[in-house]
Amino acid sequence: DLATDTVKDAVKDVSKTVKKDIQANAPKRTGRYKKSWTVKKTAESSNSLTMTVHSKDRYQIAHLLEHGHAKRGAGREHIAPAEEKGNRELVQKIERGLRS
């Protein structure tokens, strides 16, 4: 039970951190895209938790802003770096929590 609680807490913390990282590095013209990022609990069982970080109402342009468009030039990576950093942080938090 202690390990399950540790993992669930780590997943919650890291998902919030990933959301903040995406918002901090997102392109800003009007600010609506940056503000649209949210964290949602997708699934939870007795021993697992799945959280999803997504753009709730501007999801149509997330891919274009990340990777760019053929006619509009290069994109600005802001989702992939936050995801990679979140994966590393999650592993570290789980390892630290299980050691103590």
C-alpha atoms as a PDB file:
ATOM      1  CA  ASP A   1       0.000   0.000   0.000  1.00  0.00           C
ATOM      2  CA  LEU A   2       2.852   2.374   0.785  1.00  0.00           C
ATOM      3  CA  ALA A   3       4.411   1.805  -2.646  1.00  0.00           C
ATOM      4  CA  THR A   4       1.072   2.402  -4.368  1.00  0.00           C
ATOM      5  CA  ASP A   5       0.534   5.658  -2.495  1.00  0.00           C
ATOM      6  CA  THR A   6       4.067   6.772  -3.320  1.00  0.00           C
ATOM      7  CA  VAL A   7       3.590   6.094  -7.028  1.00  0.00           C
ATOM      8  CA  LYS A   8       0.193   7.800  -7.147  1.00  0.00           C
ATOM      9  CA  ASP A   9       1.518  10.894  -5.364  1.00  0.00           C
ATOM     10  CA  ALA A  10       4.500  11.035  -7.718  1.00  0.00           C
ATOM     11  CA  VAL A  11       2.238  10.779 -10.776  1.00  0.00           C
ATOM     12  CA  LYS A  12       0.016  13.615  -9.509  1.00  0.00           C
ATOM     13  CA  ASP A  13       2.975  15.876  -8.738  1.00  0.00           C
ATOM     14  CA  VAL A  14       4.765  15.236 -12.025  1.00  0.00           C
ATOM     15  CA  SER A  15       1.641  15.743 -14.120  1.00  0.00           C
ATOM     16  CA  LYS A  16       1.174  19.194 -12.577  1.00  0.00           C
ATOM     17  CA  THR A  17       4.839  19.983 -13.215  1.00  0.00           C
ATOM     18  CA  VAL A  18       4.558  18.910 -16.871  1.00  0.00           C
ATOM     19  CA  LYS A  19       1.523  21.163 -17.305  1.00  0.00           C
ATOM     20  CA  LYS A  20       3.425  24.131 -15.854  1.00  0.00           C
ATOM     21  CA  ASP A  21       6.447  23.431 -18.079  1.00  0.00           C
ATOM     22  CA  ILE A  22       4.272  23.291 -21.201  1.00  0.00           C
ATOM     23  CA  GLN A  23       2.550  26.524 -20.249  1.00  0.00           C
ATOM     24  CA  ALA A  24       5.859  28.242 -19.548  1.00  0.00           C
ATOM     25  CA  ASN A  25       7.328  27.322 -22.953  1.00  0.00           C
ATOM     26  CA  ALA A  26       4.185  27.505 -25.100  1.00  0.00           C
ATOM     27  CA  PRO A  27       4.018  30.083 -27.884  1.00  0.00           C
ATOM     28  CA  LYS A  28       2.004  33.103 -26.812  1.00  0.00           C
ATOM     29  CA  ARG A  29       0.123  35.339 -29.169  1.00  0.00           C
ATOM     30  CA  THR A  30      -3.163  35.843 -27.369  1.00  0.00           C
ATOM     31  CA  GLY A  31      -2.487  33.547 -24.392  1.00  0.00           C
ATOM     32  CA  ARG A  32      -5.548  31.337 -24.947  1.00  0.00           C
ATOM     33  CA  TYR A  33      -3.451  28.342 -26.011  1.00  0.00           C
ATOM     34  CA  LYS A  34      -1.134  28.673 -23.029  1.00  0.00           C
ATOM     35  CA  LYS A  35      -4.043  28.870 -20.584  1.00  0.00           C
ATOM     36  CA  SER A  36      -5.875  25.906 -22.156  1.00  0.00           C
ATOM     37  CA  TRP A  37      -3.533  23.232 -20.726  1.00  0.00           C
ATOM     38  CA  THR A  38      -5.010  21.092 -17.964  1.00  0.00           C
ATOM     39  CA  VAL A  39      -4.462  17.823 -16.099  1.00  0.00           C
ATOM     40  CA  LYS A  40      -7.152  15.152 -16.068  1.00  0.00           C
ATOM     41  CA  LYS A  41      -7.361  11.860 -14.182  1.00  0.00           C
ATOM     42  CA  THR A  42      -7.928   9.300 -16.949  1.00  0.00           C
ATOM     43  CA  ALA A  43      -8.012   6.074 -14.944  1.00  0.00           C
ATOM     44  CA  GLU A  44      -7.473   4.955 -11.386  1.00  0.00           C
ATOM     45  CA  SER A  45      -7.496   1.516  -9.856  1.00  0.00           C
ATOM     46  CA  SER A  46      -6.373   0.185  -6.511  1.00  0.00           C
ATOM     47  CA  ASN A  47      -2.735   0.058  -7.634  1.00  0.00           C
ATOM     48  CA  SER A  48      -2.389   2.471 -10.590  1.00  0.00           C
ATOM     49  CA  LEU A  49      -3.182   6.010 -11.648  1.00  0.00           C
ATOM     50  CA  THR A  50      -3.214   7.508 -15.137  1.00  0.00           C
ATOM     51  CA  MET A  51      -3.144  11.277 -15.557  1.00  0.00           C
ATOM     52  CA  THR A  52      -3.420  13.058 -18.917  1.00  0.00           C
ATOM     53  CA  VAL A  53      -2.016  16.501 -19.627  1.00  0.00           C
ATOM     54  CA  HIS A  54      -3.882  18.042 -22.561  1.00  0.00           C
ATOM     55  CA  SER A  55      -5.099  21.232 -24.134  1.00  0.00           C
ATOM     56  CA  LYS A  56      -8.806  21.221 -23.358  1.00  0.00           C
ATOM     57  CA  ASP A  57     -10.094  23.616 -26.016  1.00  0.00           C
ATOM     58  CA  ARG A  58      -7.104  24.440 -28.255  1.00  0.00           C
ATOM     59  CA  TYR A  59      -6.026  20.853 -28.986  1.00  0.00           C
ATOM     60  CA  GLN A  60      -6.441  21.365 -32.748  1.00  0.00           C
ATOM     61  CA  ILE A  61      -3.379  23.600 -32.970  1.00  0.00           C
ATOM     62  CA  ALA A  62      -1.102  21.813 -30.485  1.00  0.00           C
ATOM     63  CA  HIS A  63       0.454  19.637 -33.208  1.00  0.00           C
ATOM     64  CA  LEU A  64       1.007  22.589 -35.538  1.00  0.00           C
ATOM     65  CA  LEU A  65       2.597  24.723 -32.846  1.00  0.00           C
ATOM     66  CA  GLU A  66       4.840  21.843 -31.774  1.00  0.00           C
ATOM     67  CA  HIS A  67       5.989  20.654 -35.220  1.00  0.00           C
ATOM     68  CA  GLY A  68       5.241  23.579 -37.518  1.00  0.00           C
ATOM     69  CA  HIS A  69       3.391  23.725 -40.814  1.00  0.00           C
ATOM     70  CA  ALA A  70       4.694  23.456 -44.375  1.00  0.00           C
ATOM     71  CA  LYS A  71       3.374  26.904 -45.321  1.00  0.00           C
ATOM     72  CA  ARG A  72       3.969  28.693 -42.021  1.00  0.00           C
ATOM     73  CA  GLY A  73       7.486  27.642 -41.093  1.00  0.00           C
ATOM     74  CA  ALA A  74       9.020  25.811 -38.177  1.00  0.00           C
ATOM     75  CA  GLY A  75       7.245  25.019 -34.956  1.00  0.00           C
ATOM     76  CA  ARG A  76       8.367  25.592 -31.397  1.00  0.00           C
ATOM     77  CA  GLU A  77       8.909  22.460 -29.355  1.00  0.00           C
ATOM     78  CA  HIS A  78       7.253  22.832 -25.983  1.00  0.00           C
ATOM     79  CA  ILE A  79       5.394  19.554 -25.394  1.00  0.00           C
ATOM     80  CA  ALA A  80       8.129  16.968 -26.061  1.00  0.00           C
ATOM     81  CA  PRO A  81      10.777  18.524 -23.771  1.00  0.00           C
ATOM     82  CA  ALA A  82       8.254  18.803 -20.929  1.00  0.00           C
ATOM     83  CA  GLU A  83       7.241  15.163 -21.438  1.00  0.00           C
ATOM     84  CA  GLU A  84      10.850  13.938 -21.388  1.00  0.00           C
ATOM     85  CA  LYS A  85      11.633  15.974 -18.274  1.00  0.00           C
ATOM     86  CA  GLY A  86       8.457  14.632 -16.621  1.00  0.00           C
ATOM     87  CA  ASN A  87       9.426  11.029 -17.363  1.00  0.00           C
ATOM     88  CA  ARG A  88      12.851  11.499 -15.756  1.00  0.00           C
ATOM     89  CA  GLU A  89      11.361  13.305 -12.771  1.00  0.00           C
ATOM     90  CA  LEU A  90       8.732  10.607 -12.257  1.00  0.00           C
ATOM     91  CA  VAL A  91      11.330   7.853 -12.121  1.00  0.00           C
ATOM     92  CA  GLN A  92      13.424   9.856  -9.650  1.00  0.00           C
ATOM     93  CA  LYS A  93      10.465  10.604  -7.369  1.00  0.00           C
ATOM     94  CA  ILE A  94       9.341   6.979  -7.333  1.00  0.00           C
ATOM     95  CA  GLU A  95      12.850   5.734  -6.561  1.00  0.00           C
ATOM     96  CA  ARG A  96      13.280   8.303  -3.771  1.00  0.00           C
ATOM     97  CA  GLY A  97       9.879   7.466  -2.304  1.00  0.00           C
ATOM     98  CA  LEU A  98      10.499   3.730  -2.315  1.00  0.00           C
ATOM     99  CA  ARG A  99      13.930   4.104  -0.666  1.00  0.00           C
ATOM    100  CA  SER A 100      12.590   5.977   2.314  1.00  0.00           C
END
